[in-house]
Amino acid sequence: MSVRLHPHAQTRLLERGATEEEVIATVESGTPFAAQFGRSGFRRNFPFNAEWQGKVYAMKKVEAIAIKENEDWLVITVIAKLF
């Protein structure tokens, strides 16, 4: 199984403060959930302990919304939540 990122997801990485490595780890070992339109979602928490947009956060939750293509996953968007 491989994990690829759609160009839309690549753009969202920078905007939302996630890394490609975090997204791949989320798909490979995160908690799966059902997403809209028959898509699959995956979520995973990561230690953050850093500043983002002027505020310090301890944790980051990464959510990847993906579609299955044969045996591979294509991530179409990424959401990062800091807390």
C-alpha atoms as a PDB file:
ATOM      1  CA  MET A   1       0.000   0.000   0.000  1.00  0.00           C
ATOM      2  CA  SER A   2       1.240   3.462  -0.843  1.00  0.00           C
ATOM      3  CA  VAL A   3      -0.107   6.864   0.161  1.00  0.00           C
ATOM      4  CA  ARG A   4      -0.134   9.701  -2.371  1.00  0.00           C
ATOM      5  CA  LEU A   5      -1.207  13.306  -1.878  1.00  0.00           C
ATOM      6  CA  HIS A   6      -3.437  15.110  -4.356  1.00  0.00           C
ATOM      7  CA  PRO A   7      -2.169  18.621  -5.270  1.00  0.00           C
ATOM      8  CA  HIS A   8      -5.059  20.081  -3.219  1.00  0.00           C
ATOM      9  CA  ALA A   9      -3.841  18.182  -0.148  1.00  0.00           C
ATOM     10  CA  GLN A  10      -0.252  19.323  -0.781  1.00  0.00           C
ATOM     11  CA  THR A  11      -1.414  22.954  -0.760  1.00  0.00           C
ATOM     12  CA  ARG A  12      -3.392  22.460   2.453  1.00  0.00           C
ATOM     13  CA  LEU A  13      -0.327  21.066   4.255  1.00  0.00           C
ATOM     14  CA  LEU A  14       1.354  24.456   4.320  1.00  0.00           C
ATOM     15  CA  GLU A  15      -1.822  26.372   5.152  1.00  0.00           C
ATOM     16  CA  ARG A  16      -2.823  24.085   8.002  1.00  0.00           C
ATOM     17  CA  GLY A  17       0.514  23.266   9.589  1.00  0.00           C
ATOM     18  CA  ALA A  18       0.808  19.560   8.829  1.00  0.00           C
ATOM     19  CA  THR A  19       3.695  17.722   7.192  1.00  0.00           C
ATOM     20  CA  GLU A  20       3.613  15.091   4.474  1.00  0.00           C
ATOM     21  CA  GLU A  21       5.235  12.623   6.887  1.00  0.00           C
ATOM     22  CA  GLU A  22       2.457  13.199   9.450  1.00  0.00           C
ATOM     23  CA  VAL A  23      -0.227  12.664   6.814  1.00  0.00           C
ATOM     24  CA  ILE A  24       1.323   9.401   5.624  1.00  0.00           C
ATOM     25  CA  ALA A  25       1.676   8.171   9.221  1.00  0.00           C
ATOM     26  CA  THR A  26      -1.956   9.142   9.863  1.00  0.00           C
ATOM     27  CA  VAL A  27      -3.207   7.071   6.922  1.00  0.00           C
ATOM     28  CA  GLU A  28      -0.943   4.130   7.725  1.00  0.00           C
ATOM     29  CA  SER A  29      -1.576   3.900  11.468  1.00  0.00           C
ATOM     30  CA  GLY A  30      -4.270   6.391  12.447  1.00  0.00           C
ATOM     31  CA  THR A  31      -7.835   5.712  13.523  1.00  0.00           C
ATOM     32  CA  PRO A  32     -10.129   5.277  10.515  1.00  0.00           C
ATOM     33  CA  PHE A  33     -13.560   6.923  10.297  1.00  0.00           C
ATOM     34  CA  ALA A  34     -16.271   7.327   7.667  1.00  0.00           C
ATOM     35  CA  ALA A  35     -16.139  10.651   5.825  1.00  0.00           C
ATOM     36  CA  GLN A  36     -18.659  12.370   3.549  1.00  0.00           C
ATOM     37  CA  PHE A  37     -19.396  11.217   0.010  1.00  0.00           C
ATOM     38  CA  GLY A  38     -18.197   7.652   0.650  1.00  0.00           C
ATOM     39  CA  ARG A  39     -14.656   8.735   1.408  1.00  0.00           C
ATOM     40  CA  SER A  40     -12.461   7.450   4.201  1.00  0.00           C
ATOM     41  CA  GLY A  41     -10.949   9.520   6.955  1.00  0.00           C
ATOM     42  CA  PHE A  42      -8.013   8.853   9.235  1.00  0.00           C
ATOM     43  CA  ARG A  43      -7.004  10.769  12.368  1.00  0.00           C
ATOM     44  CA  ARG A  44      -3.999  10.685  14.622  1.00  0.00           C
ATOM     45  CA  ASN A  45      -2.580  12.880  17.385  1.00  0.00           C
ATOM     46  CA  PHE A  46       1.044  14.018  17.388  1.00  0.00           C
ATOM     47  CA  PRO A  47       3.027  15.801  20.125  1.00  0.00           C
ATOM     48  CA  PHE A  48       3.594  19.367  18.935  1.00  0.00           C
ATOM     49  CA  ASN A  49       4.989  21.502  21.789  1.00  0.00           C
ATOM     50  CA  ALA A  50       5.637  24.460  19.511  1.00  0.00           C
ATOM     51  CA  GLU A  51       4.279  27.799  18.397  1.00  0.00           C
ATOM     52  CA  TRP A  52       1.806  28.172  15.552  1.00  0.00           C
ATOM     53  CA  GLN A  53       0.580  31.603  14.499  1.00  0.00           C
ATOM     54  CA  GLY A  54       1.729  33.232  17.728  1.00  0.00           C
ATOM     55  CA  LYS A  55       0.362  30.662  20.172  1.00  0.00           C
ATOM     56  CA  VAL A  56       2.003  27.587  21.763  1.00  0.00           C
ATOM     57  CA  TYR A  57       0.222  24.231  21.468  1.00  0.00           C
ATOM     58  CA  ALA A  58       1.035  20.869  23.040  1.00  0.00           C
ATOM     59  CA  MET A  59      -0.701  18.551  20.554  1.00  0.00           C
ATOM     60  CA  LYS A  60      -1.668  18.404  16.905  1.00  0.00           C
ATOM     61  CA  LYS A  61      -4.491  16.247  15.512  1.00  0.00           C
ATOM     62  CA  VAL A  62      -4.073  15.463  11.818  1.00  0.00           C
ATOM     63  CA  GLU A  63      -7.054  14.282   9.793  1.00  0.00           C
ATOM     64  CA  ALA A  64      -6.580  12.973   6.260  1.00  0.00           C
ATOM     65  CA  ILE A  65      -9.546  12.459   3.934  1.00  0.00           C
ATOM     66  CA  ALA A  66      -8.735   9.901   1.253  1.00  0.00           C
ATOM     67  CA  ILE A  67     -10.108   7.670  -1.458  1.00  0.00           C
ATOM     68  CA  LYS A  68      -8.968   4.144  -2.196  1.00  0.00           C
ATOM     69  CA  GLU A  69      -7.379   3.570  -5.604  1.00  0.00           C
ATOM     70  CA  ASN A  70      -6.776  -0.148  -6.041  1.00  0.00           C
ATOM     71  CA  GLU A  71      -4.510  -0.955  -3.071  1.00  0.00           C
ATOM     72  CA  ASP A  72      -3.305   2.626  -2.599  1.00  0.00           C
ATOM     73  CA  TRP A  73      -4.705   5.711  -0.852  1.00  0.00           C
ATOM     74  CA  LEU A  74      -5.025   9.133  -2.478  1.00  0.00           C
ATOM     75  CA  VAL A  75      -5.300  11.847   0.174  1.00  0.00           C
ATOM     76  CA  ILE A  76      -7.530  14.606  -1.152  1.00  0.00           C
ATOM     77  CA  THR A  77      -7.484  17.005   1.781  1.00  0.00           C
ATOM     78  CA  VAL A  78      -5.824  17.484   5.152  1.00  0.00           C
ATOM     79  CA  ILE A  79      -7.064  19.112   8.357  1.00  0.00           C
ATOM     80  CA  ALA A  80      -4.844  19.945  11.330  1.00  0.00           C
ATOM     81  CA  LYS A  81      -6.209  20.938  14.711  1.00  0.00           C
ATOM     82  CA  LEU A  82      -3.932  22.265  17.416  1.00  0.00           C
ATOM     83  CA  PHE A  83      -4.696  22.076  21.128  1.00  0.00           C
END
